[in-house]
Amino acid sequence: AEANPQLTVLLLEKSPKLLGKVRISGGGRCNVTHACES
């Protein structure tokens, strides 16, 4: 959507909840990534 604002972008999720794994990751802290430079 950011690269092409002319598009209609639909995000379809079958469950009632979004970003479930993000919420519980890292004991509720969310381990976003790992410090690797390359």
PDB file of all heavy atoms in Angstrom:
ATOM      1  N   ALA A   1       0.821  -1.215   0.000  1.00  0.00           N
ATOM      2  CA  ALA A   1       0.000   0.000   0.000  1.00  0.00           C
ATOM      3  C   ALA A   1       0.852   1.262   0.000  1.00  0.00           C
ATOM      4  O   ALA A   1       0.499   2.260  -0.639  1.00  0.00           O
ATOM      5  CB  ALA A   1      -0.933  -0.016   1.206  1.00  0.00           C
ATOM      6  N   GLU A   2       1.971   1.234   0.713  1.00  0.00           N
ATOM      7  CA  GLU A   2       2.837   2.417   0.746  1.00  0.00           C
ATOM      8  C   GLU A   2       3.544   2.622  -0.590  1.00  0.00           C
ATOM      9  O   GLU A   2       3.768   3.761  -1.011  1.00  0.00           O
ATOM     10  CB  GLU A   2       3.869   2.281   1.865  1.00  0.00           C
ATOM     11  CG  GLU A   2       3.272   2.430   3.266  1.00  0.00           C
ATOM     12  CD  GLU A   2       4.301   2.356   4.365  1.00  0.00           C
ATOM     13  OE1 GLU A   2       5.439   1.895   4.107  1.00  0.00           O
ATOM     14  OE2 GLU A   2       3.990   2.764   5.499  1.00  0.00           O
ATOM     15  N   ALA A   3       3.901   1.503  -1.253  1.00  0.00           N
ATOM     16  CA  ALA A   3       4.612   1.612  -2.524  1.00  0.00           C
ATOM     17  C   ALA A   3       3.697   2.029  -3.671  1.00  0.00           C
ATOM     18  O   ALA A   3       4.145   2.657  -4.634  1.00  0.00           O
ATOM     19  CB  ALA A   3       5.295   0.292  -2.860  1.00  0.00           C
ATOM     20  N   ASN A   4       2.405   1.717  -3.574  1.00  0.00           N
ATOM     21  CA  ASN A   4       1.461   2.053  -4.640  1.00  0.00           C
ATOM     22  C   ASN A   4       0.113   2.437  -4.037  1.00  0.00           C
ATOM     23  O   ASN A   4      -0.781   1.598  -3.894  1.00  0.00           O
ATOM     24  CB  ASN A   4       1.292   0.872  -5.597  1.00  0.00           C
ATOM     25  CG  ASN A   4       0.475   1.237  -6.827  1.00  0.00           C
ATOM     26  OD1 ASN A   4      -0.167   2.286  -6.867  1.00  0.00           O
ATOM     27  ND2 ASN A   4       0.483   0.373  -7.828  1.00  0.00           N
ATOM     28  N   PRO A   5      -0.054   3.704  -3.667  1.00  0.00           N
ATOM     29  CA  PRO A   5      -1.307   4.154  -3.049  1.00  0.00           C
ATOM     30  C   PRO A   5      -2.519   4.009  -3.942  1.00  0.00           C
ATOM     31  O   PRO A   5      -3.665   4.113  -3.465  1.00  0.00           O
ATOM     32  CB  PRO A   5      -1.026   5.636  -2.733  1.00  0.00           C
ATOM     33  CG  PRO A   5       0.471   5.759  -2.715  1.00  0.00           C
ATOM     34  CD  PRO A   5       0.947   4.777  -3.733  1.00  0.00           C
ATOM     35  N   GLN A   6      -2.315   3.773  -5.249  1.00  0.00           N
ATOM     36  CA  GLN A   6      -3.451   3.634  -6.156  1.00  0.00           C
ATOM     37  C   GLN A   6      -4.140   2.281  -6.016  1.00  0.00           C
ATOM     38  O   GLN A   6      -5.273   2.101  -6.463  1.00  0.00           O
ATOM     39  CB  GLN A   6      -2.967   3.794  -7.615  1.00  0.00           C
ATOM     40  CG  GLN A   6      -2.271   5.126  -7.897  1.00  0.00           C
ATOM     41  CD  GLN A   6      -3.149   6.318  -7.531  1.00  0.00           C
ATOM     42  OE1 GLN A   6      -4.326   6.355  -7.902  1.00  0.00           O
ATOM     43  NE2 GLN A   6      -2.591   7.263  -6.804  1.00  0.00           N
ATOM     44  N   LEU A   7      -3.463   1.335  -5.391  1.00  0.00           N
ATOM     45  CA  LEU A   7      -4.056   0.010  -5.206  1.00  0.00           C
ATOM     46  C   LEU A   7      -5.029  -0.009  -4.035  1.00  0.00           C
ATOM     47  O   LEU A   7      -4.868   0.728  -3.065  1.00  0.00           O
ATOM     48  CB  LEU A   7      -2.959  -1.023  -4.931  1.00  0.00           C
ATOM     49  CG  LEU A   7      -2.017  -1.393  -6.078  1.00  0.00           C
ATOM     50  CD1 LEU A   7      -0.900  -2.284  -5.559  1.00  0.00           C
ATOM     51  CD2 LEU A   7      -2.787  -2.099  -7.184  1.00  0.00           C
ATOM     52  N   THR A   8      -6.015  -0.852  -4.129  1.00  0.00           N
ATOM     53  CA  THR A   8      -6.854  -1.183  -2.976  1.00  0.00           C
ATOM     54  C   THR A   8      -6.291  -2.466  -2.389  1.00  0.00           C
ATOM     55  O   THR A   8      -6.315  -3.511  -3.032  1.00  0.00           O
ATOM     56  CB  THR A   8      -8.318  -1.381  -3.390  1.00  0.00           C
ATOM     57  OG1 THR A   8      -8.834  -0.139  -3.870  1.00  0.00           O
ATOM     58  CG2 THR A   8      -9.150  -1.850  -2.202  1.00  0.00           C
ATOM     59  N   VAL A   9      -5.751  -2.362  -1.185  1.00  0.00           N
ATOM     60  CA  VAL A   9      -5.103  -3.505  -0.544  1.00  0.00           C
ATOM     61  C   VAL A   9      -6.005  -4.016   0.573  1.00  0.00           C
ATOM     62  O   VAL A   9      -6.321  -3.286   1.525  1.00  0.00           O
ATOM     63  CB  VAL A   9      -3.720  -3.121   0.022  1.00  0.00           C
ATOM     64  CG1 VAL A   9      -3.062  -4.338   0.676  1.00  0.00           C
ATOM     65  CG2 VAL A   9      -2.831  -2.564  -1.085  1.00  0.00           C
ATOM     66  N   LEU A  10      -6.427  -5.267   0.453  1.00  0.00           N
ATOM     67  CA  LEU A  10      -7.274  -5.899   1.460  1.00  0.00           C
ATOM     68  C   LEU A  10      -6.462  -6.910   2.242  1.00  0.00           C
ATOM     69  O   LEU A  10      -5.775  -7.752   1.656  1.00  0.00           O
ATOM     70  CB  LEU A  10      -8.451  -6.616   0.796  1.00  0.00           C
ATOM     71  CG  LEU A  10      -9.331  -5.807  -0.157  1.00  0.00           C
ATOM     72  CD1 LEU A  10     -10.405  -6.704  -0.739  1.00  0.00           C
ATOM     73  CD2 LEU A  10      -9.956  -4.633   0.567  1.00  0.00           C
ATOM     74  N   LEU A  11      -6.531  -6.846   3.551  1.00  0.00           N
ATOM     75  CA  LEU A  11      -5.904  -7.849   4.406  1.00  0.00           C
ATOM     76  C   LEU A  11      -7.017  -8.663   5.042  1.00  0.00           C
ATOM     77  O   LEU A  11      -7.836  -8.131   5.792  1.00  0.00           O
ATOM     78  CB  LEU A  11      -5.019  -7.187   5.472  1.00  0.00           C
ATOM     79  CG  LEU A  11      -4.098  -8.143   6.247  1.00  0.00           C
ATOM     80  CD1 LEU A  11      -2.867  -7.407   6.763  1.00  0.00           C
ATOM     81  CD2 LEU A  11      -4.806  -8.804   7.422  1.00  0.00           C
ATOM     82  N   LEU A  12      -7.049  -9.958   4.727  1.00  0.00           N
ATOM     83  CA  LEU A  12      -8.141 -10.834   5.151  1.00  0.00           C
ATOM     84  C   LEU A  12      -7.639 -11.851   6.175  1.00  0.00           C
ATOM     85  O   LEU A  12      -6.724 -12.632   5.889  1.00  0.00           O
ATOM     86  CB  LEU A  12      -8.729 -11.564   3.944  1.00  0.00           C
ATOM     87  CG  LEU A  12      -9.089 -10.687   2.733  1.00  0.00           C
ATOM     88  CD1 LEU A  12      -9.604 -11.548   1.591  1.00  0.00           C
ATOM     89  CD2 LEU A  12     -10.107  -9.628   3.120  1.00  0.00           C
ATOM     90  N   GLU A  13      -8.233 -11.836   7.350  1.00  0.00           N
ATOM     91  CA  GLU A  13      -7.855 -12.757   8.427  1.00  0.00           C
ATOM     92  C   GLU A  13      -9.077 -13.583   8.811  1.00  0.00           C
ATOM     93  O   GLU A  13     -10.144 -13.039   9.085  1.00  0.00           O
ATOM     94  CB  GLU A  13      -7.337 -11.978   9.636  1.00  0.00           C
ATOM     95  CG  GLU A  13      -7.223 -12.760  10.927  1.00  0.00           C
ATOM     96  CD  GLU A  13      -6.324 -13.989  10.828  1.00  0.00           C
ATOM     97  OE1 GLU A  13      -5.248 -13.897  10.198  1.00  0.00           O
ATOM     98  OE2 GLU A  13      -6.706 -15.045  11.372  1.00  0.00           O
ATOM     99  N   LYS A  14      -8.926 -14.910   8.821  1.00  0.00           N
ATOM    100  CA  LYS A  14     -10.079 -15.769   9.078  1.00  0.00           C
ATOM    101  C   LYS A  14     -10.528 -15.754  10.533  1.00  0.00           C
ATOM    102  O   LYS A  14     -11.696 -15.986  10.832  1.00  0.00           O
ATOM    103  CB  LYS A  14      -9.772 -17.207   8.648  1.00  0.00           C
ATOM    104  CG  LYS A  14      -8.696 -17.891   9.460  1.00  0.00           C
ATOM    105  CD  LYS A  14      -8.487 -19.319   8.963  1.00  0.00           C
ATOM    106  CE  LYS A  14      -7.428 -20.046   9.783  1.00  0.00           C
ATOM    107  NZ  LYS A  14      -7.224 -21.437   9.312  1.00  0.00           N
ATOM    108  N   SER A  15      -9.621 -15.477  11.471  1.00  0.00           N
ATOM    109  CA  SER A  15      -9.983 -15.479  12.891  1.00  0.00           C
ATOM    110  C   SER A  15     -10.402 -14.081  13.324  1.00  0.00           C
ATOM    111  O   SER A  15     -10.246 -13.118  12.575  1.00  0.00           O
ATOM    112  CB  SER A  15      -8.795 -15.945  13.735  1.00  0.00           C
ATOM    113  OG  SER A  15      -7.837 -14.910  13.851  1.00  0.00           O
ATOM    114  N   PRO A  16     -10.909 -13.939  14.536  1.00  0.00           N
ATOM    115  CA  PRO A  16     -11.276 -12.608  15.012  1.00  0.00           C
ATOM    116  C   PRO A  16     -10.097 -11.805  15.528  1.00  0.00           C
ATOM    117  O   PRO A  16     -10.241 -10.624  15.838  1.00  0.00           O
ATOM    118  CB  PRO A  16     -12.273 -12.903  16.148  1.00  0.00           C
ATOM    119  CG  PRO A  16     -11.897 -14.265  16.633  1.00  0.00           C
ATOM    120  CD  PRO A  16     -11.398 -15.012  15.439  1.00  0.00           C
ATOM    121  N   LYS A  17      -8.919 -12.425  15.618  1.00  0.00           N
ATOM    122  CA  LYS A  17      -7.753 -11.758  16.208  1.00  0.00           C
ATOM    123  C   LYS A  17      -6.667 -11.516  15.171  1.00  0.00           C
ATOM    124  O   LYS A  17      -6.475 -12.305  14.253  1.00  0.00           O
ATOM    125  CB  LYS A  17      -7.191 -12.602  17.355  1.00  0.00           C
ATOM    126  CG  LYS A  17      -8.164 -12.780  18.513  1.00  0.00           C
ATOM    127  CD  LYS A  17      -7.527 -13.604  19.624  1.00  0.00           C
ATOM    128  CE  LYS A  17      -8.483 -13.782  20.805  1.00  0.00           C
ATOM    129  NZ  LYS A  17      -7.873 -14.594  21.898  1.00  0.00           N
ATOM    130  N   LEU A  18      -5.956 -10.422  15.371  1.00  0.00           N
ATOM    131  CA  LEU A  18      -4.854 -10.053  14.499  1.00  0.00           C
ATOM    132  C   LEU A  18      -3.534 -10.129  15.267  1.00  0.00           C
ATOM    133  O   LEU A  18      -3.494  -9.899  16.475  1.00  0.00           O
ATOM    134  CB  LEU A  18      -5.045  -8.630  13.968  1.00  0.00           C
ATOM    135  CG  LEU A  18      -6.299  -8.379  13.126  1.00  0.00           C
ATOM    136  CD1 LEU A  18      -6.532  -6.884  12.961  1.00  0.00           C
ATOM    137  CD2 LEU A  18      -6.174  -9.055  11.765  1.00  0.00           C
ATOM    138  N   LEU A  19      -2.466 -10.457  14.553  1.00  0.00           N
ATOM    139  CA  LEU A  19      -1.101 -10.398  15.105  1.00  0.00           C
ATOM    140  C   LEU A  19      -0.952 -11.215  16.389  1.00  0.00           C
ATOM    141  O   LEU A  19      -0.307 -10.792  17.343  1.00  0.00           O
ATOM    142  CB  LEU A  19      -0.701  -8.929  15.334  1.00  0.00           C
ATOM    143  CG  LEU A  19      -0.671  -8.074  14.059  1.00  0.00           C
ATOM    144  CD1 LEU A  19      -0.624  -6.600  14.397  1.00  0.00           C
ATOM    145  CD2 LEU A  19       0.528  -8.466  13.192  1.00  0.00           C
ATOM    146  N   GLY A  20      -1.545 -12.414  16.387  1.00  0.00           N
ATOM    147  CA  GLY A  20      -1.533 -13.248  17.578  1.00  0.00           C
ATOM    148  C   GLY A  20      -0.130 -13.602  18.055  1.00  0.00           C
ATOM    149  O   GLY A  20       0.180 -13.486  19.236  1.00  0.00           O
ATOM    150  N   LYS A  21       0.742 -14.038  17.134  1.00  0.00           N
ATOM    151  CA  LYS A  21       2.097 -14.421  17.539  1.00  0.00           C
ATOM    152  C   LYS A  21       2.906 -13.223  18.002  1.00  0.00           C
ATOM    153  O   LYS A  21       3.751 -13.337  18.892  1.00  0.00           O
ATOM    154  CB  LYS A  21       2.820 -15.112  16.382  1.00  0.00           C
ATOM    155  CG  LYS A  21       2.617 -16.608  16.327  1.00  0.00           C
ATOM    156  CD  LYS A  21       3.636 -17.227  15.403  1.00  0.00           C
ATOM    157  CE  LYS A  21       3.464 -18.727  15.334  1.00  0.00           C
ATOM    158  NZ  LYS A  21       4.456 -19.363  14.463  1.00  0.00           N
ATOM    159  N   VAL A  22       2.665 -12.086  17.383  1.00  0.00           N
ATOM    160  CA  VAL A  22       3.376 -10.873  17.791  1.00  0.00           C
ATOM    161  C   VAL A  22       3.055 -10.552  19.248  1.00  0.00           C
ATOM    162  O   VAL A  22       3.931 -10.177  20.031  1.00  0.00           O
ATOM    163  CB  VAL A  22       3.009  -9.688  16.876  1.00  0.00           C
ATOM    164  CG1 VAL A  22       3.608  -8.389  17.399  1.00  0.00           C
ATOM    165  CG2 VAL A  22       3.471  -9.955  15.447  1.00  0.00           C
ATOM    166  N   ARG A  23       1.820 -10.731  19.618  1.00  0.00           N
ATOM    167  CA  ARG A  23       1.389 -10.390  20.991  1.00  0.00           C
ATOM    168  C   ARG A  23       2.052 -11.279  22.040  1.00  0.00           C
ATOM    169  O   ARG A  23       2.400 -10.812  23.126  1.00  0.00           O
ATOM    170  CB  ARG A  23      -0.133 -10.505  21.108  1.00  0.00           C
ATOM    171  CG  ARG A  23      -0.892  -9.494  20.268  1.00  0.00           C
ATOM    172  CD  ARG A  23      -2.395  -9.647  20.450  1.00  0.00           C
ATOM    173  NE  ARG A  23      -3.126  -8.895  19.469  1.00  0.00           N
ATOM    174  CZ  ARG A  23      -3.427  -7.604  19.570  1.00  0.00           C
ATOM    175  NH1 ARG A  23      -3.049  -6.929  20.635  1.00  0.00           N
ATOM    176  NH2 ARG A  23      -4.107  -7.001  18.602  1.00  0.00           N
ATOM    177  N   ILE A  24       2.240 -12.576  21.737  1.00  0.00           N
ATOM    178  CA  ILE A  24       2.747 -13.484  22.765  1.00  0.00           C
ATOM    179  C   ILE A  24       4.255 -13.695  22.687  1.00  0.00           C
ATOM    180  O   ILE A  24       4.850 -14.241  23.622  1.00  0.00           O
ATOM    181  CB  ILE A  24       2.051 -14.853  22.690  1.00  0.00           C
ATOM    182  CG1 ILE A  24       2.379 -15.559  21.368  1.00  0.00           C
ATOM    183  CG2 ILE A  24       0.553 -14.722  22.879  1.00  0.00           C
ATOM    184  CD1 ILE A  24       1.846 -16.973  21.276  1.00  0.00           C
ATOM    185  N   SER A  25       4.879 -13.257  21.599  1.00  0.00           N
ATOM    186  CA  SER A  25       6.307 -13.496  21.427  1.00  0.00           C
ATOM    187  C   SER A  25       7.122 -12.884  22.557  1.00  0.00           C
ATOM    188  O   SER A  25       6.824 -11.799  23.052  1.00  0.00           O
ATOM    189  CB  SER A  25       6.772 -12.912  20.091  1.00  0.00           C
ATOM    190  OG  SER A  25       8.173 -12.775  20.046  1.00  0.00           O
ATOM    191  N   GLY A  26       8.180 -13.602  22.927  1.00  0.00           N
ATOM    192  CA  GLY A  26       9.093 -13.073  23.934  1.00  0.00           C
ATOM    193  C   GLY A  26       8.443 -12.835  25.270  1.00  0.00           C
ATOM    194  O   GLY A  26       8.800 -11.885  25.970  1.00  0.00           O
ATOM    195  N   GLY A  27       7.486 -13.679  25.624  1.00  0.00           N
ATOM    196  CA  GLY A  27       6.810 -13.498  26.899  1.00  0.00           C
ATOM    197  C   GLY A  27       6.003 -12.213  26.961  1.00  0.00           C
ATOM    198  O   GLY A  27       5.851 -11.609  28.020  1.00  0.00           O
ATOM    199  N   GLY A  28       5.460 -11.802  25.794  1.00  0.00           N
ATOM    200  CA  GLY A  28       4.668 -10.573  25.754  1.00  0.00           C
ATOM    201  C   GLY A  28       5.486  -9.326  25.497  1.00  0.00           C
ATOM    202  O   GLY A  28       4.959  -8.214  25.510  1.00  0.00           O
ATOM    203  N   ARG A  29       6.789  -9.515  25.216  1.00  0.00           N
ATOM    204  CA  ARG A  29       7.650  -8.355  24.926  1.00  0.00           C
ATOM    205  C   ARG A  29       7.919  -8.195  23.428  1.00  0.00           C
ATOM    206  O   ARG A  29       8.319  -7.134  22.987  1.00  0.00           O
ATOM    207  CB  ARG A  29       8.983  -8.481  25.664  1.00  0.00           C
ATOM    208  CG  ARG A  29       8.849  -8.439  27.188  1.00  0.00           C
ATOM    209  CD  ARG A  29      10.205  -8.173  27.836  1.00  0.00           C
ATOM    210  NE  ARG A  29      11.163  -9.239  27.549  1.00  0.00           N
ATOM    211  CZ  ARG A  29      12.477  -9.041  27.421  1.00  0.00           C
ATOM    212  NH1 ARG A  29      12.980  -7.824  27.476  1.00  0.00           N
ATOM    213  NH2 ARG A  29      13.277 -10.073  27.197  1.00  0.00           N
ATOM    214  N   CYS A  30       7.736  -9.271  22.665  1.00  0.00           N
ATOM    215  CA  CYS A  30       7.957  -9.311  21.216  1.00  0.00           C
ATOM    216  C   CYS A  30       9.427  -9.201  20.842  1.00  0.00           C
ATOM    217  O   CYS A  30       9.997  -8.114  20.782  1.00  0.00           O
ATOM    218  CB  CYS A  30       7.168  -8.243  20.455  1.00  0.00           C
ATOM    219  SG  CYS A  30       7.269  -8.541  18.663  1.00  0.00           S
ATOM    220  N   ASN A  31      10.014 -10.353  20.575  1.00  0.00           N
ATOM    221  CA  ASN A  31      11.392 -10.436  20.107  1.00  0.00           C
ATOM    222  C   ASN A  31      11.400 -10.120  18.613  1.00  0.00           C
ATOM    223  O   ASN A  31      11.297 -11.007  17.780  1.00  0.00           O
ATOM    224  CB  ASN A  31      11.921 -11.836  20.399  1.00  0.00           C
ATOM    225  CG  ASN A  31      13.377 -12.037  20.074  1.00  0.00           C
ATOM    226  OD1 ASN A  31      13.888 -13.130  20.215  1.00  0.00           O
ATOM    227  ND2 ASN A  31      14.067 -10.998  19.629  1.00  0.00           N
ATOM    228  N   VAL A  32      11.540  -8.837  18.279  1.00  0.00           N
ATOM    229  CA  VAL A  32      11.330  -8.336  16.916  1.00  0.00           C
ATOM    230  C   VAL A  32      12.327  -8.904  15.913  1.00  0.00           C
ATOM    231  O   VAL A  32      11.969  -9.284  14.796  1.00  0.00           O
ATOM    232  CB  VAL A  32      11.391  -6.801  16.903  1.00  0.00           C
ATOM    233  CG1 VAL A  32      11.253  -6.250  15.484  1.00  0.00           C
ATOM    234  CG2 VAL A  32      10.312  -6.225  17.802  1.00  0.00           C
ATOM    235  N   THR A  33      13.591  -8.954  16.309  1.00  0.00           N
ATOM    236  CA  THR A  33      14.637  -9.441  15.410  1.00  0.00           C
ATOM    237  C   THR A  33      15.864  -9.759  16.233  1.00  0.00           C
ATOM    238  O   THR A  33      15.802  -9.792  17.468  1.00  0.00           O
ATOM    239  CB  THR A  33      14.945  -8.420  14.295  1.00  0.00           C
ATOM    240  OG1 THR A  33      15.853  -9.006  13.340  1.00  0.00           O
ATOM    241  CG2 THR A  33      15.528  -7.135  14.844  1.00  0.00           C
ATOM    242  N   HIS A  34      16.994  -9.990  15.570  1.00  0.00           N
ATOM    243  CA  HIS A  34      18.233 -10.327  16.257  1.00  0.00           C
ATOM    244  C   HIS A  34      19.348  -9.449  15.703  1.00  0.00           C
ATOM    245  O   HIS A  34      19.390  -9.168  14.504  1.00  0.00           O
ATOM    246  CB  HIS A  34      18.572 -11.805  16.040  1.00  0.00           C
ATOM    247  CG  HIS A  34      19.490 -12.364  17.075  1.00  0.00           C
ATOM    248  ND1 HIS A  34      19.038 -13.053  18.175  1.00  0.00           N
ATOM    249  CD2 HIS A  34      20.843 -12.334  17.191  1.00  0.00           C
ATOM    250  CE1 HIS A  34      20.065 -13.429  18.919  1.00  0.00           C
ATOM    251  NE2 HIS A  34      21.168 -13.008  18.335  1.00  0.00           N
ATOM    252  N   ALA A  35      20.262  -9.056  16.553  1.00  0.00           N
ATOM    253  CA  ALA A  35      21.313  -8.119  16.153  1.00  0.00           C
ATOM    254  C   ALA A  35      22.354  -8.802  15.268  1.00  0.00           C
ATOM    255  O   ALA A  35      23.387  -9.263  15.748  1.00  0.00           O
ATOM    256  CB  ALA A  35      21.985  -7.521  17.382  1.00  0.00           C
ATOM    257  N   CYS A  36      22.071  -8.884  13.983  1.00  0.00           N
ATOM    258  CA  CYS A  36      23.010  -9.406  12.985  1.00  0.00           C
ATOM    259  C   CYS A  36      23.264  -8.301  11.973  1.00  0.00           C
ATOM    260  O   CYS A  36      22.329  -7.811  11.338  1.00  0.00           O
ATOM    261  CB  CYS A  36      22.435 -10.632  12.285  1.00  0.00           C
ATOM    262  SG  CYS A  36      22.239 -12.084  13.343  1.00  0.00           S
ATOM    263  N   GLU A  37      24.511  -7.919  11.828  1.00  0.00           N
ATOM    264  CA  GLU A  37      24.818  -6.797  10.945  1.00  0.00           C
ATOM    265  C   GLU A  37      24.756  -7.173   9.466  1.00  0.00           C
ATOM    266  O   GLU A  37      24.464  -6.343   8.619  1.00  0.00           O
ATOM    267  CB  GLU A  37      26.198  -6.232  11.286  1.00  0.00           C
ATOM    268  CG  GLU A  37      26.280  -5.583  12.671  1.00  0.00           C
ATOM    269  CD  GLU A  37      27.639  -4.995  12.935  1.00  0.00           C
ATOM    270  OE1 GLU A  37      28.516  -5.092  12.039  1.00  0.00           O
ATOM    271  OE2 GLU A  37      27.834  -4.444  14.025  1.00  0.00           O
ATOM    272  N   SER A  38      25.064  -8.426   9.155  1.00  0.00           N
ATOM    273  CA  SER A  38      25.138  -8.813   7.747  1.00  0.00           C
ATOM    274  C   SER A  38      24.221  -9.980   7.443  1.00  0.00           C
ATOM    275  O   SER A  38      23.843 -10.757   8.329  1.00  0.00           O
ATOM    276  CB  SER A  38      26.577  -9.199   7.384  1.00  0.00           C
ATOM    277  OG  SER A  38      26.938 -10.410   8.049  1.00  0.00           O
TER     278      SER A  38
END
